[in-house]
Amino acid sequence: MRIDKYLKISHVIKRRTIAKDVLDFGFVKINGKTAKPSTEVKEGDILELTLGERLLKIVVKQVKEFSNKSSASEMFEILEDKVII
């Protein structure tokens, strides 16, 4: 699954267009490498997102085509969530 779609379906980012913009600006890394919107995500990948002053590091637990708000949190596990200055 494309990383921009994964971020939207897992509810890490609310809109796919915003996910694409964040990826285009280079604020997302997958396994230590800068990701593009078309980069494929698979279980076990580690994503690092820089969102404003927040660094979010997550591991992909599941890749599903559809999810609702309650099951979206099962798709990833937060490894690190900190404020950077």
Protein backbone atom coordinates (compact mmCIF):
# COMPACT_ATOMS: atom_id res chain seq x y z
CA MET A 1 0.00 0.00 0.00
CA ARG A 2 1.20 3.52 -0.76
CA ILE A 3 2.42 5.41 2.31
CA ASP A 4 0.15 8.42 1.68
CA LYS A 5 -2.89 6.12 1.67
CA TYR A 6 -1.65 4.23 4.75
CA LEU A 7 -1.25 7.44 6.76
CA LYS A 8 -4.82 8.41 5.91
CA ILE A 9 -6.44 4.99 6.53
CA SER A 10 -4.58 4.51 9.83
CA HIS A 11 -5.73 8.01 10.92
CA VAL A 12 -2.18 9.19 11.61
CA ILE A 13 -2.96 12.08 9.25
CA LYS A 14 -6.59 13.00 8.60
CA ARG A 15 -6.47 13.79 4.87
CA ARG A 16 -4.58 12.09 2.07
CA THR A 17 -3.75 15.41 0.41
CA ILE A 18 -2.10 16.60 3.63
CA ALA A 19 -0.22 13.29 3.87
CA LYS A 20 1.01 13.79 0.30
CA ASP A 21 2.17 17.35 1.09
CA VAL A 22 4.03 16.20 4.22
CA LEU A 23 5.73 13.48 2.17
CA ASP A 24 6.59 15.88 -0.68
CA PHE A 25 8.36 18.21 1.78
CA GLY A 26 10.45 15.29 3.12
CA PHE A 27 9.01 15.20 6.63
CA VAL A 28 8.49 11.42 6.61
CA LYS A 29 11.14 8.72 6.70
CA ILE A 30 10.55 5.01 6.27
CA ASN A 31 13.25 2.79 7.72
CA GLY A 32 15.62 5.78 7.84
CA LYS A 33 15.11 6.89 4.21
CA THR A 34 13.07 9.87 3.05
CA ALA A 35 9.75 8.61 1.67
CA LYS A 36 7.80 9.73 -1.39
CA PRO A 37 3.99 9.50 -1.55
CA SER A 38 4.22 6.38 -3.74
CA THR A 39 6.59 4.50 -1.40
CA GLU A 40 5.16 1.11 -0.46
CA VAL A 41 4.53 0.31 3.22
CA LYS A 42 4.63 -3.20 4.69
CA GLU A 43 4.30 -4.68 8.15
CA GLY A 44 7.36 -4.08 10.32
CA ASP A 45 8.37 -0.80 8.66
CA ILE A 46 9.34 2.05 10.98
CA LEU A 47 7.96 5.47 10.07
CA GLU A 48 9.35 8.74 11.43
CA LEU A 49 7.09 11.76 10.96
CA THR A 50 8.10 15.34 11.72
CA LEU A 51 4.87 17.26 12.18
CA GLY A 52 5.60 20.81 13.23
CA GLU A 53 7.44 20.60 16.55
CA ARG A 54 6.46 16.96 17.07
CA LEU A 55 8.46 13.85 16.18
CA LEU A 56 6.34 10.72 15.89
CA LYS A 57 8.00 7.34 15.43
CA ILE A 58 5.69 4.40 14.71
CA VAL A 59 5.97 0.79 13.60
CA VAL A 60 3.51 -0.60 11.06
CA LYS A 61 1.62 -3.54 12.58
CA GLN A 62 -1.07 -4.10 9.93
CA VAL A 63 -1.78 -2.96 6.41
CA LYS A 64 -5.53 -2.92 5.68
CA GLU A 65 -7.44 -1.41 2.77
CA PHE A 66 -10.19 -0.06 5.04
CA SER A 67 -10.49 0.81 8.71
CA ASN A 68 -12.81 2.73 10.97
CA LYS A 69 -11.71 5.06 13.72
CA SER A 70 -11.78 2.40 16.45
CA SER A 71 -9.74 -0.20 14.52
CA ALA A 72 -7.25 2.28 13.04
CA SER A 73 -5.12 2.28 16.20
CA GLU A 74 -4.46 -1.45 15.67
CA MET A 75 -2.62 -0.67 12.44
CA PHE A 76 0.41 0.87 14.15
CA GLU A 77 2.25 1.11 17.46
CA ILE A 78 3.80 4.36 18.71
CA LEU A 79 7.47 3.89 19.56
CA GLU A 80 8.28 7.53 20.31
CA ASP A 81 6.28 10.73 20.52
CA LYS A 82 8.23 13.79 21.57
CA VAL A 83 8.36 17.54 21.14
CA ILE A 84 11.42 18.87 19.33
CA ILE A 85 12.60 22.46 19.38
